[in-house]
Amino acid sequence: MLTAFSLGTTGRATPAVTPLLYVCVVGFAGVLALVSGAVPGRAALRVRAVTVATAKE
């Protein structure tokens, strides 16, 4: 469906994306992946492991 839309609007089967836009999208995805991994990791490592292991709950 996207190929047909691109073919109808631009005359080419490949999407027309500028290199700057491509770099911005890839960069944003990279930053989002870094944040989504770092924030929960930091929260999990905030409490000392000995405290968690010896908890009575």
N, C-alpha and C. Protein backbone atom coordinates (compact mmCIF):
# COMPACT_ATOMS: atom_id res chain seq x y z
N MET A 1 0.82 -1.18 0.00
CA MET A 1 0.00 0.00 0.00
C MET A 1 0.87 1.26 0.00
N LEU A 2 1.92 1.28 0.82
CA LEU A 2 2.79 2.45 0.84
C LEU A 2 3.55 2.60 -0.47
N THR A 3 3.89 1.48 -1.09
CA THR A 3 4.58 1.55 -2.37
C THR A 3 3.66 2.16 -3.43
N ALA A 4 2.41 1.77 -3.44
CA ALA A 4 1.46 2.32 -4.39
C ALA A 4 1.23 3.81 -4.15
N PHE A 5 1.17 4.21 -2.89
CA PHE A 5 0.99 5.63 -2.56
C PHE A 5 2.21 6.43 -3.02
N SER A 6 3.41 5.91 -2.74
CA SER A 6 4.63 6.59 -3.15
C SER A 6 4.73 6.67 -4.66
N LEU A 7 4.35 5.62 -5.33
CA LEU A 7 4.39 5.59 -6.80
C LEU A 7 3.41 6.61 -7.38
N GLY A 8 2.26 6.76 -6.77
CA GLY A 8 1.27 7.71 -7.25
C GLY A 8 1.64 9.15 -6.98
N THR A 9 2.31 9.43 -5.85
CA THR A 9 2.61 10.82 -5.50
C THR A 9 3.94 11.30 -6.06
N THR A 10 4.96 10.46 -6.06
CA THR A 10 6.28 10.90 -6.51
C THR A 10 6.71 10.30 -7.83
N GLY A 11 6.05 9.24 -8.27
CA GLY A 11 6.45 8.58 -9.51
C GLY A 11 7.53 7.54 -9.31
N ARG A 12 7.97 7.34 -8.07
CA ARG A 12 8.99 6.33 -7.76
C ARG A 12 8.43 5.38 -6.71
N ALA A 13 8.93 4.14 -6.71
CA ALA A 13 8.44 3.16 -5.75
C ALA A 13 9.08 3.35 -4.38
N THR A 14 10.25 3.95 -4.34
CA THR A 14 10.92 4.17 -3.05
C THR A 14 10.40 5.46 -2.41
N PRO A 15 10.28 5.48 -1.10
CA PRO A 15 9.81 6.68 -0.43
C PRO A 15 10.80 7.84 -0.60
N ALA A 16 10.31 9.04 -0.73
CA ALA A 16 11.14 10.22 -0.88
C ALA A 16 11.40 10.81 0.50
N VAL A 17 12.55 10.49 1.08
CA VAL A 17 12.92 10.99 2.39
C VAL A 17 14.29 11.65 2.26
N THR A 18 14.41 12.85 2.78
CA THR A 18 15.70 13.54 2.75
C THR A 18 16.65 12.88 3.75
N PRO A 19 17.93 12.92 3.48
CA PRO A 19 18.88 12.31 4.41
C PRO A 19 18.83 12.93 5.81
N LEU A 20 18.59 14.23 5.89
CA LEU A 20 18.50 14.87 7.21
C LEU A 20 17.32 14.33 8.02
N LEU A 21 16.19 14.15 7.38
CA LEU A 21 15.03 13.60 8.08
C LEU A 21 15.31 12.17 8.52
N TYR A 22 15.96 11.40 7.67
CA TYR A 22 16.29 10.01 8.02
C TYR A 22 17.21 9.98 9.24
N VAL A 23 18.23 10.84 9.26
CA VAL A 23 19.16 10.89 10.40
C VAL A 23 18.43 11.33 11.67
N CYS A 24 17.52 12.27 11.55
CA CYS A 24 16.75 12.72 12.71
C CYS A 24 15.88 11.61 13.28
N VAL A 25 15.22 10.86 12.43
CA VAL A 25 14.36 9.78 12.90
C VAL A 25 15.19 8.68 13.56
N VAL A 26 16.31 8.32 12.95
CA VAL A 26 17.16 7.28 13.53
C VAL A 26 17.77 7.76 14.85
N GLY A 27 18.17 9.02 14.90
CA GLY A 27 18.72 9.58 16.14
C GLY A 27 17.69 9.61 17.26
N PHE A 28 16.47 10.03 16.93
CA PHE A 28 15.40 10.05 17.93
C PHE A 28 15.10 8.65 18.44
N ALA A 29 15.08 7.67 17.56
CA ALA A 29 14.83 6.29 17.97
C ALA A 29 15.96 5.79 18.88
N GLY A 30 17.18 6.17 18.57
CA GLY A 30 18.31 5.78 19.41
C GLY A 30 18.25 6.38 20.80
N VAL A 31 17.92 7.68 20.86
CA VAL A 31 17.79 8.34 22.17
C VAL A 31 16.64 7.74 22.96
N LEU A 32 15.53 7.47 22.30
CA LEU A 32 14.39 6.85 22.97
C LEU A 32 14.74 5.47 23.52
N ALA A 33 15.48 4.68 22.75
CA ALA A 33 15.90 3.36 23.22
C ALA A 33 16.85 3.47 24.40
N LEU A 34 17.75 4.43 24.36
CA LEU A 34 18.69 4.63 25.46
C LEU A 34 17.97 5.03 26.74
N VAL A 35 17.05 5.96 26.62
CA VAL A 35 16.30 6.41 27.80
C VAL A 35 15.41 5.30 28.34
N SER A 36 14.75 4.56 27.46
CA SER A 36 13.84 3.51 27.94
C SER A 36 14.60 2.35 28.58
N GLY A 37 15.86 2.23 28.32
CA GLY A 37 16.66 1.20 28.99
C GLY A 37 17.38 1.72 30.22
N ALA A 38 17.80 2.98 30.18
CA ALA A 38 18.58 3.54 31.28
C ALA A 38 17.74 3.90 32.49
N VAL A 39 16.56 4.44 32.28
CA VAL A 39 15.73 4.88 33.41
C VAL A 39 15.28 3.69 34.27
N PRO A 40 14.72 2.62 33.71
CA PRO A 40 14.37 1.49 34.57
C PRO A 40 15.60 0.81 35.17
N GLY A 41 16.70 0.79 34.44
CA GLY A 41 17.92 0.19 34.97
C GLY A 41 18.45 0.95 36.16
N ARG A 42 18.41 2.27 36.07
CA ARG A 42 18.86 3.08 37.20
C ARG A 42 17.94 2.91 38.40
N ALA A 43 16.64 2.82 38.15
CA ALA A 43 15.69 2.62 39.25
C ALA A 43 15.89 1.26 39.91
N ALA A 44 16.21 0.25 39.12
CA ALA A 44 16.41 -1.08 39.67
C ALA A 44 17.70 -1.17 40.48
N LEU A 45 18.70 -0.41 40.09
CA LEU A 45 19.98 -0.46 40.78
C LEU A 45 20.10 0.56 41.90
N ARG A 46 19.06 1.32 42.14
CA ARG A 46 19.11 2.34 43.18
C ARG A 46 19.20 1.72 44.58
N VAL A 47 18.48 0.63 44.83
CA VAL A 47 18.48 -0.03 46.12
C VAL A 47 19.64 -1.04 46.15
N ARG A 48 20.31 -1.11 47.27
CA ARG A 48 21.42 -2.05 47.38
C ARG A 48 20.90 -3.49 47.31
N ALA A 49 21.65 -4.35 46.68
CA ALA A 49 21.24 -5.74 46.46
C ALA A 49 21.09 -6.49 47.79
N VAL A 50 21.94 -6.17 48.77
CA VAL A 50 21.86 -6.84 50.07
C VAL A 50 20.56 -6.50 50.76
N THR A 51 20.11 -5.28 50.62
CA THR A 51 18.83 -4.87 51.24
C THR A 51 17.67 -5.63 50.62
N VAL A 52 17.69 -5.79 49.34
CA VAL A 52 16.61 -6.50 48.65
C VAL A 52 16.66 -7.98 48.99
N ALA A 53 17.85 -8.56 49.02
CA ALA A 53 17.99 -10.00 49.25
C ALA A 53 17.59 -10.38 50.67
N THR A 54 17.79 -9.50 51.63
CA THR A 54 17.48 -9.83 53.03
C THR A 54 16.12 -9.30 53.47
N ALA A 55 15.34 -8.76 52.56
CA ALA A 55 14.01 -8.24 52.92
C ALA A 55 13.10 -9.40 53.28
N LYS A 56 12.23 -9.17 54.25
CA LYS A 56 11.33 -10.24 54.73
C LYS A 56 10.02 -10.29 53.97
N GLU A 57 9.76 -9.39 53.04
CA GLU A 57 8.49 -9.39 52.33
C GLU A 57 8.40 -10.52 51.38
